[in-house]
Amino acid sequence: MPEGPPSWLTRSETALAHQIIEAGLAPPQVCGHPGCAGATDKPDRKGLSAGQLYPTDAAHITGSFTDFDREAARLGGQLMARRKDALGEAFAADETELAEKVLAALADQSAQRLLEAALAEQGSGEASLTGNPLIAASLSSQNPAPARQLGWIKAGLSVPLIALGASASTHYPAVADRLGATLSVPEDADVAGAIGAAAGSVRQQVMILTSQPEDGVFRVHLPTGPQDFSDRKKALQKAEASAGDLAGQRARAAGAKSWQTTCQTQLEEVSLPGGKTLFIEARSTATAQEG
């Protein structure tokens, strides 16, 4: 934050942000008493003060990925390694040991999730292996390659693992090793997600709310302002038409040359004695899909 804290912070949050800036790289002790603890919530949620060691940081520390600021990752790793666990023990002896633990946990858990997805695809349903110690142990970095087995249990993939994304060549070799799978990293895998997003079709969605602020008045909440109707059917027709028009406008602005628009209205009503119903509100959602 070279230009100071954002203007949308409260006075107490701004004061805390100034303390963080002045302290520089330091252990998380800027909040010295319980009274200011609440002021840390928003800066943490917005990423202004939270301290985390992400896999990319860990890869910078180990040297397997160095496209960004390696020194910043190393200094952050030093601070995180000094933090204590529930038993009062430091997380790691140094930043390198901590980074290796982070990357090992990433590979272990990624392998487990991939195996769960493979089991689900094969017909076993949404399987979860999180609580199975044998499966977890067979996929762990503590189990020497290439066996990846524990006693009678051997877990892995019989199909190649295709990795996409900027981290494909950095993180996925270890994942494939745990699964005993052949790894394939296509050319330009680091931008495959961006290419897919650009090549994908345009889809825009707009929702218009219709409420009943008083008996016999149906209010359509339009971007230009509310519009009241005495007839519910006409109010919902206006809401659906407006939602469809707005969705089409957004699709055109997003680059679509042609599109199809569908609209659904979800009613919220309360049943009353005598078979009557009380209208509460309706949500008219229009979707403009390129095609």
C-alpha atoms as a PDB file:
ATOM      1  CA  MET A   1       0.000   0.000   0.000  1.00  0.00           C
ATOM      2  CA  PRO A   2       2.460   2.691  -1.109  1.00  0.00           C
ATOM      3  CA  GLU A   3      -0.165   5.462  -1.162  1.00  0.00           C
ATOM      4  CA  GLY A   4      -1.654   4.703   2.235  1.00  0.00           C
ATOM      5  CA  PRO A   5      -4.791   2.905   3.402  1.00  0.00           C
ATOM      6  CA  PRO A   6      -7.936   2.925   1.233  1.00  0.00           C
ATOM      7  CA  SER A   7     -10.481   5.659   1.984  1.00  0.00           C
ATOM      8  CA  TRP A   8     -13.278   3.140   2.647  1.00  0.00           C
ATOM      9  CA  LEU A   9     -11.754   1.911   5.916  1.00  0.00           C
ATOM     10  CA  THR A  10     -13.220   3.153   9.204  1.00  0.00           C
ATOM     11  CA  ARG A  11     -11.186   5.363  11.522  1.00  0.00           C
ATOM     12  CA  SER A  12     -10.035   2.449  13.704  1.00  0.00           C
ATOM     13  CA  GLU A  13      -9.243   0.320  10.646  1.00  0.00           C
ATOM     14  CA  THR A  14      -7.287   3.197   9.102  1.00  0.00           C
ATOM     15  CA  ALA A  15      -5.257   3.612  12.297  1.00  0.00           C
ATOM     16  CA  LEU A  16      -4.479  -0.114  12.304  1.00  0.00           C
ATOM     17  CA  ALA A  17      -3.491  -0.005   8.618  1.00  0.00           C
ATOM     18  CA  HIS A  18      -1.056   2.828   9.365  1.00  0.00           C
ATOM     19  CA  GLN A  19       0.499   0.694  12.121  1.00  0.00           C
ATOM     20  CA  ILE A  20       0.918  -2.198   9.681  1.00  0.00           C
ATOM     21  CA  ILE A  21       2.561   0.091   7.101  1.00  0.00           C
ATOM     22  CA  GLU A  22       4.922   1.603   9.681  1.00  0.00           C
ATOM     23  CA  ALA A  23       5.817  -1.804  11.149  1.00  0.00           C
ATOM     24  CA  GLY A  24       6.716  -3.200   7.754  1.00  0.00           C
ATOM     25  CA  LEU A  25       7.554  -6.891   7.638  1.00  0.00           C
ATOM     26  CA  ALA A  26       6.906  -8.041  11.206  1.00  0.00           C
ATOM     27  CA  PRO A  27       5.138 -10.807  13.130  1.00  0.00           C
ATOM     28  CA  PRO A  28       1.337 -10.344  13.427  1.00  0.00           C
ATOM     29  CA  GLN A  29       1.319  -8.391  16.718  1.00  0.00           C
ATOM     30  CA  VAL A  30       0.093  -4.944  15.623  1.00  0.00           C
ATOM     31  CA  CYS A  31      -3.177  -5.440  17.504  1.00  0.00           C
ATOM     32  CA  GLY A  32      -2.068  -5.308  21.107  1.00  0.00           C
ATOM     33  CA  HIS A  33      -5.377  -5.471  22.954  1.00  0.00           C
ATOM     34  CA  PRO A  34      -8.773  -7.182  22.468  1.00  0.00           C
ATOM     35  CA  GLY A  35     -10.521  -3.860  21.904  1.00  0.00           C
ATOM     36  CA  CYS A  36      -8.947  -3.380  18.471  1.00  0.00           C
ATOM     37  CA  ALA A  37      -9.354  -6.967  17.322  1.00  0.00           C
ATOM     38  CA  GLY A  38     -12.502  -6.117  15.368  1.00  0.00           C
ATOM     39  CA  ALA A  39     -10.589  -3.566  13.330  1.00  0.00           C
ATOM     40  CA  THR A  40      -8.509  -6.345  11.780  1.00  0.00           C
ATOM     41  CA  ASP A  41     -11.498  -8.099  10.210  1.00  0.00           C
ATOM     42  CA  LYS A  42     -12.052  -5.944   7.116  1.00  0.00           C
ATOM     43  CA  PRO A  43      -8.354  -5.466   6.249  1.00  0.00           C
ATOM     44  CA  ASP A  44      -7.926  -9.235   6.541  1.00  0.00           C
ATOM     45  CA  ARG A  45     -10.967  -9.959   4.325  1.00  0.00           C
ATOM     46  CA  LYS A  46      -9.741  -7.470   1.711  1.00  0.00           C
ATOM     47  CA  GLY A  47      -6.220  -8.909   1.734  1.00  0.00           C
ATOM     48  CA  LEU A  48      -4.613  -5.772   3.171  1.00  0.00           C
ATOM     49  CA  SER A  49      -3.070  -7.323   6.267  1.00  0.00           C
ATOM     50  CA  ALA A  50      -3.590 -11.089   6.192  1.00  0.00           C
ATOM     51  CA  GLY A  51      -0.457 -13.209   6.276  1.00  0.00           C
ATOM     52  CA  GLN A  52      -0.592 -16.454   4.314  1.00  0.00           C
ATOM     53  CA  LEU A  53       1.952 -18.654   2.582  1.00  0.00           C
ATOM     54  CA  TYR A  54       0.439 -19.816  -0.695  1.00  0.00           C
ATOM     55  CA  PRO A  55       1.768 -22.619  -2.905  1.00  0.00           C
ATOM     56  CA  THR A  56       3.154 -20.020  -5.332  1.00  0.00           C
ATOM     57  CA  ASP A  57       5.099 -18.450  -2.455  1.00  0.00           C
ATOM     58  CA  ALA A  58       6.364 -21.880  -1.427  1.00  0.00           C
ATOM     59  CA  ALA A  59       7.467 -22.603  -4.997  1.00  0.00           C
ATOM     60  CA  HIS A  60       9.418 -19.334  -5.044  1.00  0.00           C
ATOM     61  CA  ILE A  61      11.162 -20.319  -1.808  1.00  0.00           C
ATOM     62  CA  THR A  62      12.187 -23.727  -3.139  1.00  0.00           C
ATOM     63  CA  GLY A  63      13.148 -22.257  -6.500  1.00  0.00           C
ATOM     64  CA  SER A  64      10.771 -24.347  -8.605  1.00  0.00           C
ATOM     65  CA  PHE A  65       9.013 -21.168  -9.750  1.00  0.00           C
ATOM     66  CA  THR A  66      10.682 -17.741  -9.791  1.00  0.00           C
ATOM     67  CA  ASP A  67       8.634 -15.458 -12.054  1.00  0.00           C
ATOM     68  CA  PHE A  68       7.703 -13.057  -9.255  1.00  0.00           C
ATOM     69  CA  ASP A  69       9.350 -11.610  -6.128  1.00  0.00           C
ATOM     70  CA  ARG A  70      11.317 -14.473  -4.616  1.00  0.00           C
ATOM     71  CA  GLU A  71      12.798 -12.364  -1.818  1.00  0.00           C
ATOM     72  CA  ALA A  72       9.342 -11.306  -0.614  1.00  0.00           C
ATOM     73  CA  ALA A  73       8.266 -14.956  -0.541  1.00  0.00           C
ATOM     74  CA  ARG A  74      11.402 -15.909   1.392  1.00  0.00           C
ATOM     75  CA  LEU A  75      10.885 -13.196   4.024  1.00  0.00           C
ATOM     76  CA  GLY A  76       7.213 -14.089   4.386  1.00  0.00           C
ATOM     77  CA  GLY A  77       8.169 -17.731   4.783  1.00  0.00           C
ATOM     78  CA  GLN A  78      10.582 -16.852   7.579  1.00  0.00           C
ATOM     79  CA  LEU A  79       7.810 -15.115   9.510  1.00  0.00           C
ATOM     80  CA  MET A  80       5.310 -17.914   8.961  1.00  0.00           C
ATOM     81  CA  ALA A  81       7.844 -20.579   9.979  1.00  0.00           C
ATOM     82  CA  ARG A  82       8.277 -18.881  13.363  1.00  0.00           C
ATOM     83  CA  ARG A  83       4.574 -19.057  14.169  1.00  0.00           C
ATOM     84  CA  LYS A  84       3.500 -21.617  16.770  1.00  0.00           C
ATOM     85  CA  ASP A  85       1.043 -24.477  16.489  1.00  0.00           C
ATOM     86  CA  ALA A  86      -1.421 -25.592  19.176  1.00  0.00           C
ATOM     87  CA  LEU A  87       1.392 -27.352  21.059  1.00  0.00           C
ATOM     88  CA  GLY A  88       3.589 -24.252  21.081  1.00  0.00           C
ATOM     89  CA  GLU A  89       5.981 -25.660  18.501  1.00  0.00           C
ATOM     90  CA  ALA A  90       7.230 -23.592  15.566  1.00  0.00           C
ATOM     91  CA  PHE A  91       5.620 -24.464  12.223  1.00  0.00           C
ATOM     92  CA  ALA A  92       9.017 -25.270  10.741  1.00  0.00           C
ATOM     93  CA  ALA A  93      12.745 -24.846  11.362  1.00  0.00           C
ATOM     94  CA  ASP A  94      13.036 -22.353   8.490  1.00  0.00           C
ATOM     95  CA  GLU A  95      11.245 -21.077   5.403  1.00  0.00           C
ATOM     96  CA  THR A  96      12.536 -23.903   3.209  1.00  0.00           C
ATOM     97  CA  GLU A  97      11.149 -26.623   5.457  1.00  0.00           C
ATOM     98  CA  LEU A  98       7.819 -24.787   5.654  1.00  0.00           C
ATOM     99  CA  ALA A  99       7.665 -24.410   1.861  1.00  0.00           C
ATOM    100  CA  GLU A 100       8.360 -28.107   1.378  1.00  0.00           C
ATOM    101  CA  LYS A 101       5.561 -28.978   3.822  1.00  0.00           C
ATOM    102  CA  VAL A 102       3.125 -26.696   1.978  1.00  0.00           C
ATOM    103  CA  LEU A 103       3.968 -28.175  -1.417  1.00  0.00           C
ATOM    104  CA  ALA A 104       3.783 -31.741  -0.096  1.00  0.00           C
ATOM    105  CA  ALA A 105       0.355 -31.084   1.430  1.00  0.00           C
ATOM    106  CA  LEU A 106      -0.808 -29.525  -1.841  1.00  0.00           C
ATOM    107  CA  ALA A 107       0.274 -32.580  -3.839  1.00  0.00           C
ATOM    108  CA  ASP A 108      -1.181 -35.034  -1.297  1.00  0.00           C
ATOM    109  CA  GLN A 109      -4.587 -33.363  -1.189  1.00  0.00           C
ATOM    110  CA  SER A 110      -4.708 -32.770  -4.946  1.00  0.00           C
ATOM    111  CA  ALA A 111      -4.038 -36.457  -5.573  1.00  0.00           C
ATOM    112  CA  GLN A 112      -6.778 -37.399  -3.136  1.00  0.00           C
ATOM    113  CA  ARG A 113      -9.320 -35.060  -4.781  1.00  0.00           C
ATOM    114  CA  LEU A 114      -8.443 -36.390  -8.234  1.00  0.00           C
ATOM    115  CA  LEU A 115      -8.917 -39.961  -7.065  1.00  0.00           C
ATOM    116  CA  GLU A 116     -12.310 -39.016  -5.592  1.00  0.00           C
ATOM    117  CA  ALA A 117     -13.312 -37.458  -8.924  1.00  0.00           C
ATOM    118  CA  ALA A 118     -12.182 -40.593 -10.785  1.00  0.00           C
ATOM    119  CA  LEU A 119     -14.215 -42.832  -8.485  1.00  0.00           C
ATOM    120  CA  ALA A 120     -17.273 -40.629  -8.947  1.00  0.00           C
ATOM    121  CA  GLU A 121     -16.834 -40.675 -12.741  1.00  0.00           C
ATOM    122  CA  GLN A 122     -16.543 -44.469 -12.672  1.00  0.00           C
ATOM    123  CA  GLY A 123     -19.918 -44.754 -10.965  1.00  0.00           C
ATOM    124  CA  SER A 124     -19.276 -44.807  -7.229  1.00  0.00           C
ATOM    125  CA  GLY A 125     -21.041 -41.487  -6.643  1.00  0.00           C
ATOM    126  CA  GLU A 126     -19.625 -38.495  -4.827  1.00  0.00           C
ATOM    127  CA  ALA A 127     -17.036 -40.464  -2.893  1.00  0.00           C
ATOM    128  CA  SER A 128     -15.039 -38.811  -0.129  1.00  0.00           C
ATOM    129  CA  LEU A 129     -11.730 -40.311   0.937  1.00  0.00           C
ATOM    130  CA  THR A 130     -10.915 -37.598   3.458  1.00  0.00           C
ATOM    131  CA  GLY A 131     -11.527 -39.803   6.474  1.00  0.00           C
ATOM    132  CA  ASN A 132      -9.907 -42.956   5.098  1.00  0.00           C
ATOM    133  CA  PRO A 133      -6.412 -43.255   6.605  1.00  0.00           C
ATOM    134  CA  LEU A 134      -5.342 -46.102   4.295  1.00  0.00           C
ATOM    135  CA  ILE A 135      -6.156 -44.183   1.104  1.00  0.00           C
ATOM    136  CA  ALA A 136      -4.617 -41.012   2.497  1.00  0.00           C
ATOM    137  CA  ALA A 137      -1.456 -42.894   3.460  1.00  0.00           C
ATOM    138  CA  SER A 138      -1.177 -44.553   0.052  1.00  0.00           C
ATOM    139  CA  LEU A 139      -1.222 -41.120  -1.628  1.00  0.00           C
ATOM    140  CA  SER A 140       1.019 -39.392   0.888  1.00  0.00           C
ATOM    141  CA  SER A 141       4.474 -38.031   0.163  1.00  0.00           C
ATOM    142  CA  GLN A 142       5.666 -40.178   3.068  1.00  0.00           C
ATOM    143  CA  ASN A 143       4.970 -43.299   1.016  1.00  0.00           C
ATOM    144  CA  PRO A 144       7.968 -43.873  -1.297  1.00  0.00           C
ATOM    145  CA  ALA A 145       7.413 -43.803  -5.058  1.00  0.00           C
ATOM    146  CA  PRO A 146       6.670 -45.572  -7.271  1.00  0.00           C
ATOM    147  CA  ALA A 147       4.724 -48.089  -5.193  1.00  0.00           C
ATOM    148  CA  ARG A 148       2.158 -45.703  -3.689  1.00  0.00           C
ATOM    149  CA  GLN A 149       0.700 -48.605  -1.784  1.00  0.00           C
ATOM    150  CA  LEU A 150       0.112 -49.601   1.792  1.00  0.00           C
ATOM    151  CA  GLY A 151      -0.092 -53.333   2.389  1.00  0.00           C
ATOM    152  CA  TRP A 152      -2.771 -54.652   0.059  1.00  0.00           C
ATOM    153  CA  ILE A 153      -3.919 -51.164  -0.941  1.00  0.00           C
ATOM    154  CA  LYS A 154      -2.623 -49.405  -4.056  1.00  0.00           C
ATOM    155  CA  ALA A 155      -4.207 -46.157  -5.176  1.00  0.00           C
ATOM    156  CA  GLY A 156      -3.642 -44.394  -8.462  1.00  0.00           C
ATOM    157  CA  LEU A 157      -4.921 -43.541 -11.930  1.00  0.00           C
ATOM    158  CA  SER A 158      -4.768 -45.811 -14.953  1.00  0.00           C
ATOM    159  CA  VAL A 159      -5.268 -42.874 -17.343  1.00  0.00           C
ATOM    160  CA  PRO A 160      -2.932 -39.952 -18.087  1.00  0.00           C
ATOM    161  CA  LEU A 161      -3.224 -36.788 -16.005  1.00  0.00           C
ATOM    162  CA  ILE A 162      -3.579 -33.687 -18.196  1.00  0.00           C
ATOM    163  CA  ALA A 163      -2.671 -30.478 -16.372  1.00  0.00           C
ATOM    164  CA  LEU A 164      -3.674 -26.955 -17.389  1.00  0.00           C
ATOM    165  CA  GLY A 165      -2.979 -23.570 -15.866  1.00  0.00           C
ATOM    166  CA  ALA A 166       0.021 -21.464 -14.952  1.00  0.00           C
ATOM    167  CA  SER A 167       1.011 -23.901 -12.190  1.00  0.00           C
ATOM    168  CA  ALA A 168       0.703 -27.052 -14.326  1.00  0.00           C
ATOM    169  CA  SER A 169       4.409 -27.722 -14.813  1.00  0.00           C
ATOM    170  CA  THR A 170       5.289 -26.566 -11.282  1.00  0.00           C
ATOM    171  CA  HIS A 171       2.865 -28.464  -9.061  1.00  0.00           C
ATOM    172  CA  TYR A 172       1.436 -31.344 -11.105  1.00  0.00           C
ATOM    173  CA  PRO A 173       4.535 -33.524 -11.539  1.00  0.00           C
ATOM    174  CA  ALA A 174       4.356 -34.344  -7.816  1.00  0.00           C
ATOM    175  CA  VAL A 175       0.606 -35.012  -8.074  1.00  0.00           C
ATOM    176  CA  ALA A 176       1.081 -37.385 -10.998  1.00  0.00           C
ATOM    177  CA  ASP A 177       3.870 -39.132  -9.097  1.00  0.00           C
ATOM    178  CA  ARG A 178       1.574 -39.822  -6.157  1.00  0.00           C
ATOM    179  CA  LEU A 179      -1.056 -41.274  -8.480  1.00  0.00           C
ATOM    180  CA  GLY A 180       1.420 -43.302 -10.537  1.00  0.00           C
ATOM    181  CA  ALA A 181       0.047 -41.535 -13.606  1.00  0.00           C
ATOM    182  CA  THR A 182       1.641 -40.207 -16.779  1.00  0.00           C
ATOM    183  CA  LEU A 183       1.599 -36.406 -16.795  1.00  0.00           C
ATOM    184  CA  SER A 184       0.790 -34.430 -19.911  1.00  0.00           C
ATOM    185  CA  VAL A 185       1.248 -30.642 -19.927  1.00  0.00           C
ATOM    186  CA  PRO A 186       0.034 -29.299 -23.288  1.00  0.00           C
ATOM    187  CA  GLU A 187       1.777 -26.468 -25.066  1.00  0.00           C
ATOM    188  CA  ASP A 188       0.563 -23.068 -23.818  1.00  0.00           C
ATOM    189  CA  ALA A 189      -1.049 -24.763 -20.802  1.00  0.00           C
ATOM    190  CA  ASP A 190      -0.377 -21.626 -18.745  1.00  0.00           C
ATOM    191  CA  VAL A 191      -2.887 -19.603 -20.800  1.00  0.00           C
ATOM    192  CA  ALA A 192      -5.375 -22.375 -21.567  1.00  0.00           C
ATOM    193  CA  GLY A 193      -7.885 -21.015 -19.062  1.00  0.00           C
ATOM    194  CA  ALA A 194      -7.772 -17.537 -20.584  1.00  0.00           C
ATOM    195  CA  ILE A 195      -8.130 -18.948 -24.100  1.00  0.00           C
ATOM    196  CA  GLY A 196     -11.111 -21.036 -23.037  1.00  0.00           C
ATOM    197  CA  ALA A 197     -12.787 -18.048 -21.429  1.00  0.00           C
ATOM    198  CA  ALA A 198     -12.226 -15.937 -24.545  1.00  0.00           C
ATOM    199  CA  ALA A 199     -13.485 -18.662 -26.865  1.00  0.00           C
ATOM    200  CA  GLY A 200     -16.512 -19.482 -24.741  1.00  0.00           C
ATOM    201  CA  SER A 201     -19.952 -18.205 -25.657  1.00  0.00           C
ATOM    202  CA  VAL A 202     -21.375 -15.054 -24.098  1.00  0.00           C
ATOM    203  CA  ARG A 203     -23.978 -15.575 -21.404  1.00  0.00           C
ATOM    204  CA  GLN A 204     -25.607 -12.703 -19.535  1.00  0.00           C
ATOM    205  CA  GLN A 205     -28.260 -12.932 -16.829  1.00  0.00           C
ATOM    206  CA  VAL A 206     -30.531 -10.252 -15.340  1.00  0.00           C
ATOM    207  CA  MET A 207     -33.020 -10.559 -12.479  1.00  0.00           C
ATOM    208  CA  ILE A 208     -35.910  -8.115 -11.897  1.00  0.00           C
ATOM    209  CA  LEU A 209     -37.755  -8.168  -8.567  1.00  0.00           C
ATOM    210  CA  THR A 210     -41.498  -7.554  -8.247  1.00  0.00           C
ATOM    211  CA  SER A 211     -42.869  -6.907  -4.745  1.00  0.00           C
ATOM    212  CA  GLN A 212     -46.195  -5.986  -3.157  1.00  0.00           C
ATOM    213  CA  PRO A 213     -45.537  -3.107  -0.738  1.00  0.00           C
ATOM    214  CA  GLU A 214     -49.245  -2.818  -0.007  1.00  0.00           C
ATOM    215  CA  ASP A 215     -52.410  -4.668  -0.900  1.00  0.00           C
ATOM    216  CA  GLY A 216     -53.218  -4.323  -4.595  1.00  0.00           C
ATOM    217  CA  VAL A 217     -49.942  -2.587  -5.520  1.00  0.00           C
ATOM    218  CA  PHE A 218     -47.351  -4.568  -7.477  1.00  0.00           C
ATOM    219  CA  ARG A 219     -44.012  -2.788  -7.704  1.00  0.00           C
ATOM    220  CA  VAL A 220     -41.497  -3.694 -10.399  1.00  0.00           C
ATOM    221  CA  HIS A 221     -37.970  -2.726  -9.336  1.00  0.00           C
ATOM    222  CA  LEU A 222     -36.343  -1.508 -12.551  1.00  0.00           C
ATOM    223  CA  PRO A 223     -32.827  -0.060 -12.943  1.00  0.00           C
ATOM    224  CA  THR A 224     -34.445   3.274 -13.854  1.00  0.00           C
ATOM    225  CA  GLY A 225     -36.582   3.217 -10.708  1.00  0.00           C
ATOM    226  CA  PRO A 226     -39.656   1.394  -9.337  1.00  0.00           C
ATOM    227  CA  GLN A 227     -42.840   1.203 -11.388  1.00  0.00           C
ATOM    228  CA  ASP A 228     -46.194   0.349  -9.790  1.00  0.00           C
ATOM    229  CA  PHE A 229     -49.067  -1.672 -11.306  1.00  0.00           C
ATOM    230  CA  SER A 230     -52.497  -2.519  -9.996  1.00  0.00           C
ATOM    231  CA  ASP A 231     -52.581  -5.757 -12.000  1.00  0.00           C
ATOM    232  CA  ARG A 232     -50.128  -8.487 -11.022  1.00  0.00           C
ATOM    233  CA  LYS A 233     -50.089 -10.100 -14.469  1.00  0.00           C
ATOM    234  CA  LYS A 234     -49.115  -6.836 -16.156  1.00  0.00           C
ATOM    235  CA  ALA A 235     -46.456  -6.201 -13.508  1.00  0.00           C
ATOM    236  CA  LEU A 236     -44.844  -9.601 -14.130  1.00  0.00           C
ATOM    237  CA  GLN A 237     -45.033  -9.110 -17.884  1.00  0.00           C
ATOM    238  CA  LYS A 238     -43.183  -5.798 -17.477  1.00  0.00           C
ATOM    239  CA  ALA A 239     -40.563  -7.441 -15.257  1.00  0.00           C
ATOM    240  CA  GLU A 240     -39.943 -10.278 -17.725  1.00  0.00           C
ATOM    241  CA  ALA A 241     -39.773  -7.944 -20.714  1.00  0.00           C
ATOM    242  CA  SER A 242     -37.369  -5.576 -18.961  1.00  0.00           C
ATOM    243  CA  ALA A 243     -35.150  -8.415 -17.766  1.00  0.00           C
ATOM    244  CA  GLY A 244     -35.004  -9.835 -21.293  1.00  0.00           C
ATOM    245  CA  ASP A 245     -34.133  -6.462 -22.821  1.00  0.00           C
ATOM    246  CA  LEU A 246     -31.391  -5.814 -20.274  1.00  0.00           C
ATOM    247  CA  ALA A 247     -29.891  -9.283 -20.701  1.00  0.00           C
ATOM    248  CA  GLY A 248     -29.802  -8.768 -24.479  1.00  0.00           C
ATOM    249  CA  GLN A 249     -28.154  -5.368 -24.092  1.00  0.00           C
ATOM    250  CA  ARG A 250     -25.485  -6.848 -21.863  1.00  0.00           C
ATOM    251  CA  ALA A 251     -24.898  -9.729 -24.286  1.00  0.00           C
ATOM    252  CA  ARG A 252     -24.388  -7.239 -27.122  1.00  0.00           C
ATOM    253  CA  ALA A 253     -22.005  -5.182 -24.978  1.00  0.00           C
ATOM    254  CA  ALA A 254     -20.064  -8.370 -24.160  1.00  0.00           C
ATOM    255  CA  GLY A 255     -19.472  -9.026 -27.859  1.00  0.00           C
ATOM    256  CA  ALA A 256     -22.325 -11.342 -28.850  1.00  0.00           C
ATOM    257  CA  LYS A 257     -23.564 -10.948 -32.434  1.00  0.00           C
ATOM    258  CA  SER A 258     -26.763 -12.915 -31.892  1.00  0.00           C
ATOM    259  CA  TRP A 259     -28.384 -14.504 -28.872  1.00  0.00           C
ATOM    260  CA  GLN A 260     -31.426 -16.316 -27.572  1.00  0.00           C
ATOM    261  CA  THR A 261     -33.250 -15.069 -24.491  1.00  0.00           C
ATOM    262  CA  THR A 262     -35.183 -17.170 -22.000  1.00  0.00           C
ATOM    263  CA  CYS A 263     -36.981 -15.956 -18.896  1.00  0.00           C
ATOM    264  CA  GLN A 264     -38.314 -17.681 -15.815  1.00  0.00           C
ATOM    265  CA  THR A 265     -40.336 -16.156 -12.986  1.00  0.00           C
ATOM    266  CA  GLN A 266     -40.176 -17.617  -9.494  1.00  0.00           C
ATOM    267  CA  LEU A 267     -43.119 -16.694  -7.287  1.00  0.00           C
ATOM    268  CA  GLU A 268     -42.984 -16.479  -3.509  1.00  0.00           C
ATOM    269  CA  GLU A 269     -46.452 -16.808  -2.013  1.00  0.00           C
ATOM    270  CA  VAL A 270     -47.994 -17.701   1.332  1.00  0.00           C
ATOM    271  CA  SER A 271     -51.012 -19.978   1.598  1.00  0.00           C
ATOM    272  CA  LEU A 272     -53.993 -18.516   3.442  1.00  0.00           C
ATOM    273  CA  PRO A 273     -57.154 -20.144   4.828  1.00  0.00           C
ATOM    274  CA  GLY A 274     -59.882 -20.786   2.287  1.00  0.00           C
ATOM    275  CA  GLY A 275     -57.489 -21.776  -0.479  1.00  0.00           C
ATOM    276  CA  LYS A 276     -56.251 -18.231  -1.023  1.00  0.00           C
ATOM    277  CA  THR A 277     -52.654 -17.123  -1.440  1.00  0.00           C
ATOM    278  CA  LEU A 278     -50.790 -13.961  -0.477  1.00  0.00           C
ATOM    279  CA  PHE A 279     -48.261 -12.689  -3.021  1.00  0.00           C
ATOM    280  CA  ILE A 280     -44.953 -11.745  -1.416  1.00  0.00           C
ATOM    281  CA  GLU A 281     -42.582 -11.200  -4.328  1.00  0.00           C
ATOM    282  CA  ALA A 282     -41.466 -12.578  -7.676  1.00  0.00           C
ATOM    283  CA  ARG A 283     -38.039 -12.874  -9.276  1.00  0.00           C
ATOM    284  CA  SER A 284     -38.015 -12.709 -13.065  1.00  0.00           C
ATOM    285  CA  THR A 285     -34.660 -13.967 -14.368  1.00  0.00           C
ATOM    286  CA  ALA A 286     -33.756 -13.570 -18.035  1.00  0.00           C
ATOM    287  CA  THR A 287     -30.763 -15.275 -19.644  1.00  0.00           C
ATOM    288  CA  ALA A 288     -29.283 -14.163 -22.964  1.00  0.00           C
ATOM    289  CA  GLN A 289     -27.140 -16.944 -24.454  1.00  0.00           C
ATOM    290  CA  GLU A 290     -25.047 -16.353 -27.556  1.00  0.00           C
ATOM    291  CA  GLY A 291     -26.018 -18.587 -30.427  1.00  0.00           C
END
